Amino acid sequence: MKQLKRKRHKRQKSPSGMILQPRDIDVMEAVYRFRVLSQAQIATLFFGSKATAQFRLEKLYDHQFLERKFLPVSLGDGRSPTLYVLDRKGAETLRTERGYDEVKWFGTSKGLSADFLSHTMAINDVMVRVSLACRVHGFTLEKWQAENEVKADYDRVRVQSSQGKWEDVPVVPDSFFTIVAHQRRYPFVLELDRGTMTLARFKNKIRAYVVYFQSGAYEKRYGVKSLRVLSVVSTKSQSGGEKRRDNLKAATEELTRERWFWFATLAELTPENILTIPIWHQASEQDRKILVAPI
């Protein structure tokens, strides 16, 4: 008898037993820290093959360590990737095995909107590519504060808008991370742009970063002496993304000549070029630049 293919959104009612491995807990911890990871992202970070990743993730799903989420088909290419969030038993495992205190889990939550999932997945795509690049080049991804960690505690600065009004503006990047390469530390904040923010709002964000840098408050917040802002554009259209990237760079240059601001599209970034190939557009510069300088 031909075996029916299981439905992706249905758990097995009586799954076969499993013994948790350290790697399984590593996967749960990563899913928790980054809120949501796709099967492909998890496979890339933790497994040597897609088949092994699928087999193990099915186990974690069937035993309620992880839950699956899916994007509406209209937002994808006809079939949503399988997305994973932490479920009840995963939260319990992180408390007992990794010493976490309060662990939020999203197995039954309806609060993870399609827009949130799309935005977070794009952020995590950058993280995966940076992680792989560091492995390939022997660099150290020393720290990565995910979106939810950054938003838990952040700074505000006083900024004068283009209309001359003073207002308090939060400085809340989508992620903060540091790379150690050639005995030098490179600190970055990531801004993931999906083309939905007006250029006026984007300029206000840039004004806030300029004031933030000039105040030196970032040194206290992140414990670093320098900082680069990476604006990565994620859009469905590659040509539209490139135009948006160029518009963001031009908008930045209208306000400041500082070279702290770097721009790229997600589509053009790969593990092979994201750190060591001149692919980035730097404010006040014409030629593309390398993110991590060679020896």
Protein backbone atom coordinates (compact mmCIF):
# COMPACT_ATOMS: atom_id res chain seq x y z
CA MET A 1 0.00 0.00 0.00
CA LYS A 2 1.32 3.40 -0.95
CA GLN A 3 2.20 5.48 2.11
CA LEU A 4 0.42 8.81 2.29
CA LYS A 5 2.63 11.84 2.49
CA ARG A 6 2.23 13.54 5.86
CA LYS A 7 0.78 17.02 6.01
CA ARG A 8 3.27 19.66 7.14
CA HIS A 9 0.88 21.26 9.62
CA LYS A 10 -0.21 18.00 11.31
CA ARG A 11 1.71 16.30 14.11
CA GLN A 12 1.84 12.54 14.38
CA LYS A 13 -0.60 11.45 17.06
CA SER A 14 1.69 8.75 18.46
CA PRO A 15 5.27 9.58 17.40
CA SER A 16 8.04 7.09 18.00
CA GLY A 17 10.31 7.82 20.95
CA MET A 18 13.33 10.10 20.78
CA ILE A 19 16.36 10.85 22.91
CA LEU A 20 17.29 14.52 23.05
CA GLN A 21 20.80 15.27 21.83
CA PRO A 22 22.86 18.40 22.69
CA ARG A 23 22.40 19.57 19.12
CA ASP A 24 18.63 19.40 19.54
CA ILE A 25 18.87 21.77 22.50
CA ASP A 26 21.19 24.05 20.50
CA VAL A 27 18.49 24.22 17.82
CA MET A 28 15.81 25.06 20.40
CA GLU A 29 17.99 27.77 21.89
CA ALA A 30 18.65 29.33 18.48
CA VAL A 31 14.95 29.26 17.58
CA TYR A 32 14.16 30.90 20.91
CA ARG A 33 16.80 33.63 20.55
CA PHE A 34 15.85 34.49 16.98
CA ARG A 35 12.09 33.98 17.49
CA VAL A 36 11.67 32.07 14.23
CA LEU A 37 13.99 30.12 11.93
CA SER A 38 13.19 28.30 8.71
CA GLN A 39 14.05 24.67 8.16
CA ALA A 40 16.64 25.75 5.60
CA GLN A 41 18.27 28.18 8.05
CA ILE A 42 18.42 25.53 10.79
CA ALA A 43 19.86 22.99 8.36
CA THR A 44 22.57 25.44 7.32
CA LEU A 45 23.53 26.35 10.87
CA PHE A 46 23.43 22.94 12.56
CA PHE A 47 23.25 20.01 10.14
CA GLY A 48 25.41 18.55 7.41
CA SER A 49 22.49 17.56 5.20
CA LYS A 50 18.95 18.70 4.50
CA ALA A 51 17.62 15.16 4.98
CA THR A 52 19.12 14.87 8.46
CA ALA A 53 17.75 18.28 9.40
CA GLN A 54 14.26 17.40 8.17
CA PHE A 55 14.24 14.09 10.05
CA ARG A 56 15.37 15.67 13.33
CA LEU A 57 13.09 18.68 13.06
CA GLU A 58 10.11 16.42 12.43
CA LYS A 59 10.96 14.66 15.70
CA LEU A 60 11.19 17.95 17.60
CA TYR A 61 7.89 19.05 16.07
CA ASP A 62 6.01 15.81 16.72
CA HIS A 63 7.17 15.79 20.36
CA GLN A 64 6.11 19.46 20.85
CA PHE A 65 9.58 20.93 21.40
CA LEU A 66 9.06 23.11 18.33
CA GLU A 67 5.97 24.39 16.53
CA ARG A 68 5.60 25.06 12.81
CA LYS A 69 4.36 28.27 11.20
CA PHE A 70 3.68 29.11 7.57
CA LEU A 71 3.45 32.35 5.63
CA PRO A 72 0.42 33.08 3.45
CA VAL A 73 1.07 31.75 -0.04
CA SER A 74 0.55 35.24 -1.50
CA LEU A 75 3.69 36.41 0.34
CA GLY A 76 5.88 33.62 -0.97
CA ASP A 77 6.49 31.73 -4.21
CA GLY A 78 3.43 29.47 -4.09
CA ARG A 79 4.59 27.40 -1.10
CA SER A 80 5.68 28.75 2.26
CA PRO A 81 8.94 27.50 3.74
CA THR A 82 8.52 25.56 6.96
CA LEU A 83 9.16 27.95 9.84
CA TYR A 84 9.87 26.92 13.41
CA VAL A 85 9.12 28.66 16.70
CA LEU A 86 9.59 27.39 20.24
CA ASP A 87 6.83 25.26 21.73
CA ARG A 88 5.92 24.29 25.31
CA LYS A 89 8.33 21.38 25.83
CA GLY A 90 11.12 23.36 24.19
CA ALA A 91 10.62 26.16 26.73
CA GLU A 92 10.71 23.62 29.57
CA THR A 93 13.92 22.12 28.16
CA LEU A 94 15.69 25.49 27.97
CA ARG A 95 14.76 26.21 31.59
CA THR A 96 16.07 22.87 32.88
CA GLU A 97 19.03 22.30 30.53
CA ARG A 98 20.29 25.83 29.79
CA GLY A 99 19.25 27.72 32.93
CA TYR A 100 16.81 30.13 31.31
CA ASP A 101 14.38 31.78 33.71
CA GLU A 102 11.22 32.92 31.95
CA VAL A 103 10.95 31.52 28.46
CA LYS A 104 8.21 32.70 26.13
CA TRP A 105 6.99 30.10 23.71
CA PHE A 106 4.80 30.62 20.68
CA GLY A 107 3.33 27.20 19.92
CA THR A 108 -0.26 28.36 20.42
CA SER A 109 0.29 32.09 19.89
CA LYS A 110 -1.69 33.90 17.22
CA GLY A 111 0.42 37.05 17.63
CA LEU A 112 3.08 36.18 15.08
CA SER A 113 1.77 38.03 12.06
CA ALA A 114 2.84 37.33 8.49
CA ASP A 115 4.53 40.74 8.38
CA PHE A 116 6.49 39.98 11.56
CA LEU A 117 7.52 36.56 10.29
CA SER A 118 8.68 37.95 6.92
CA HIS A 119 10.67 40.74 8.59
CA THR A 120 12.30 38.44 11.13
CA MET A 121 13.13 35.80 8.53
CA ALA A 122 14.97 38.41 6.45
CA ILE A 123 16.96 39.54 9.49
CA ASN A 124 17.87 35.95 10.22
CA ASP A 125 18.91 35.41 6.59
CA VAL A 126 21.59 38.05 7.15
CA MET A 127 22.63 36.34 10.40
CA VAL A 128 22.98 32.95 8.67
CA ARG A 129 25.11 34.40 5.87
CA VAL A 130 27.37 36.24 8.31
CA SER A 131 27.71 33.07 10.42
CA LEU A 132 28.70 30.96 7.42
CA ALA A 133 31.14 33.60 6.20
CA CYS A 134 32.83 33.67 9.61
CA ARG A 135 33.21 29.88 9.57
CA VAL A 136 34.71 29.91 6.08
CA HIS A 137 37.23 32.67 6.81
CA GLY A 138 38.10 31.64 10.37
CA PHE A 139 36.58 34.77 11.91
CA THR A 140 34.69 34.78 15.19
CA LEU A 141 31.08 35.87 15.36
CA GLU A 142 31.61 37.10 18.88
CA LYS A 143 28.12 38.34 19.64
CA TRP A 144 24.74 38.60 17.98
CA GLN A 145 21.92 40.35 19.81
CA ALA A 146 18.74 39.38 18.04
CA GLU A 147 15.80 41.67 17.42
CA ASN A 148 13.92 40.79 20.61
CA GLU A 149 17.06 41.25 22.74
CA VAL A 150 17.74 44.70 21.30
CA LYS A 151 14.14 45.81 21.73
CA ALA A 152 14.08 44.71 25.37
CA ASP A 153 16.31 47.67 26.33
CA TYR A 154 17.30 50.58 24.11
CA ASP A 155 18.30 54.27 24.12
CA ARG A 156 16.53 57.44 22.99
CA VAL A 157 18.01 60.63 21.60
CA ARG A 158 16.67 64.15 21.12
CA VAL A 159 16.42 64.95 17.39
CA GLN A 160 15.29 67.99 15.44
CA SER A 161 13.17 66.97 12.45
CA SER A 162 13.17 68.60 9.02
CA GLN A 163 10.17 70.68 10.19
CA GLY A 164 12.25 72.04 13.06
CA LYS A 165 10.38 70.12 15.75
CA TRP A 166 12.30 68.47 18.56
CA GLU A 167 11.30 64.94 19.48
CA ASP A 168 12.62 61.92 21.35
CA VAL A 169 13.50 59.19 18.87
CA PRO A 170 14.28 55.59 19.89
CA VAL A 171 17.48 54.02 18.59
CA VAL A 172 16.37 50.44 18.02
CA PRO A 173 18.31 48.51 15.38
CA ASP A 174 17.07 45.13 14.22
CA SER A 175 20.23 43.43 15.50
CA PHE A 176 23.67 44.16 16.93
CA PHE A 177 26.68 41.95 16.29
CA THR A 178 30.47 41.92 16.49
CA ILE A 179 33.00 40.03 14.41
CA VAL A 180 36.61 39.45 15.45
CA ALA A 181 38.94 39.14 12.46
CA HIS A 182 42.71 39.57 12.19
CA GLN A 183 42.84 40.50 15.90
CA ARG A 184 40.44 43.39 15.31
CA ARG A 185 36.85 43.77 16.47
CA TYR A 186 34.18 44.97 14.03
CA PRO A 187 30.89 46.09 15.63
CA PHE A 188 27.73 46.51 13.56
CA VAL A 189 24.06 47.32 13.92
CA LEU A 190 21.68 45.96 11.32
CA GLU A 191 18.69 47.77 9.85
CA LEU A 192 16.51 45.51 7.70
CA ASP A 193 14.55 47.59 5.19
CA ARG A 194 11.59 46.08 3.33
CA GLY A 195 10.76 49.22 1.40
CA THR A 196 7.75 50.11 3.54
CA MET A 197 9.24 53.11 5.37
CA THR A 198 9.00 56.57 3.82
CA LEU A 199 12.27 58.36 3.10
CA ALA A 200 11.20 61.07 5.56
CA ARG A 201 11.00 58.49 8.35
CA PHE A 202 14.26 56.94 7.24
CA LYS A 203 15.98 60.33 7.40
CA ASN A 204 14.74 60.78 10.94
CA LYS A 205 16.31 57.43 11.78
CA ILE A 206 19.60 58.62 10.29
CA ARG A 207 19.42 61.87 12.29
CA ALA A 208 18.96 59.79 15.42
CA TYR A 209 22.01 57.67 14.63
CA VAL A 210 24.15 60.76 14.01
CA VAL A 211 23.17 62.24 17.37
CA TYR A 212 23.64 58.84 18.99
CA PHE A 213 27.16 58.53 17.60
CA GLN A 214 28.12 62.07 18.50
CA SER A 215 26.88 61.62 22.07
CA GLY A 216 28.98 58.50 22.55
CA ALA A 217 25.98 56.73 24.12
CA TYR A 218 26.55 53.71 21.88
CA GLU A 219 29.88 53.08 23.66
CA LYS A 220 28.09 52.59 26.96
CA ARG A 221 25.30 50.55 25.41
CA TYR A 222 27.42 48.14 23.39
CA GLY A 223 30.88 48.45 24.95
CA VAL A 224 32.57 49.36 21.66
CA LYS A 225 34.59 52.32 20.37
CA SER A 226 33.17 52.36 16.84
CA LEU A 227 30.02 51.28 15.08
CA ARG A 228 28.75 50.77 11.54
CA VAL A 229 25.12 50.83 10.49
CA LEU A 230 24.28 48.22 7.85
CA SER A 231 21.07 48.90 5.95
CA VAL A 232 20.05 45.77 4.06
CA VAL A 233 17.12 46.05 1.66
CA SER A 234 14.85 43.03 1.26
CA THR A 235 12.25 43.35 -1.50
CA LYS A 236 10.59 40.94 -3.93
CA SER A 237 12.04 42.74 -6.94
CA GLN A 238 15.82 42.76 -7.33
CA SER A 239 15.78 45.91 -9.44
CA GLY A 240 13.40 47.53 -6.98
CA GLY A 241 15.73 46.58 -4.14
CA GLU A 242 18.73 48.13 -5.87
CA LYS A 243 16.82 51.35 -6.49
CA ARG A 244 15.69 51.43 -2.86
CA ARG A 245 19.29 50.82 -1.70
CA ASP A 246 20.53 53.74 -3.79
CA ASN A 247 17.71 55.98 -2.54
CA LEU A 248 18.58 55.21 1.09
CA LYS A 249 22.23 55.98 0.44
CA ALA A 250 21.36 59.28 -1.26
CA ALA A 251 18.96 60.23 1.56
CA THR A 252 21.71 59.58 4.09
CA GLU A 253 24.23 61.69 2.17
CA GLU A 254 21.79 64.60 2.17
CA LEU A 255 22.08 64.68 5.96
CA THR A 256 25.66 63.68 6.72
CA ARG A 257 29.02 62.93 5.11
CA GLU A 258 29.96 60.46 7.83
CA ARG A 259 31.03 57.05 6.55
CA TRP A 260 29.30 55.04 9.29
CA PHE A 261 26.46 54.02 6.99
CA TRP A 262 26.67 51.04 4.64
CA PHE A 263 24.07 49.72 2.18
CA ALA A 264 23.31 46.51 0.28
CA THR A 265 20.41 44.39 -0.89
CA LEU A 266 19.74 41.00 0.67
CA ALA A 267 19.61 39.47 -2.81
CA GLU A 268 23.22 40.43 -3.58
CA LEU A 269 24.66 39.19 -0.27
CA THR A 270 26.04 35.65 -0.01
CA PRO A 271 28.27 33.87 2.53
CA GLU A 272 31.06 34.16 -0.05
CA ASN A 273 30.90 37.94 -0.48
CA ILE A 274 29.18 39.45 2.56
CA LEU A 275 32.39 40.10 4.51
CA THR A 276 35.41 39.99 2.23
CA ILE A 277 34.31 41.07 -1.26
CA PRO A 278 33.64 44.72 -2.23
CA ILE A 279 29.85 44.47 -2.39
CA TRP A 280 28.80 47.19 0.08
CA HIS A 281 27.90 50.78 -0.80
CA GLN A 282 29.34 53.16 1.79
CA ALA A 283 27.96 56.65 2.39
CA SER A 284 30.14 59.40 0.85
CA GLU A 285 32.00 56.84 -1.29
CA GLN A 286 31.57 55.91 -4.95
CA ASP A 287 33.35 52.55 -5.08
CA ARG A 288 31.99 49.46 -3.39
CA LYS A 289 33.71 48.48 -0.16
CA ILE A 290 34.77 45.41 1.83
CA LEU A 291 33.10 45.05 5.21
CA VAL A 292 36.05 43.31 6.93
CA ALA A 293 39.46 44.55 5.84
CA PRO A 294 42.12 41.98 4.82
CA ILE A 295 45.33 41.57 6.79
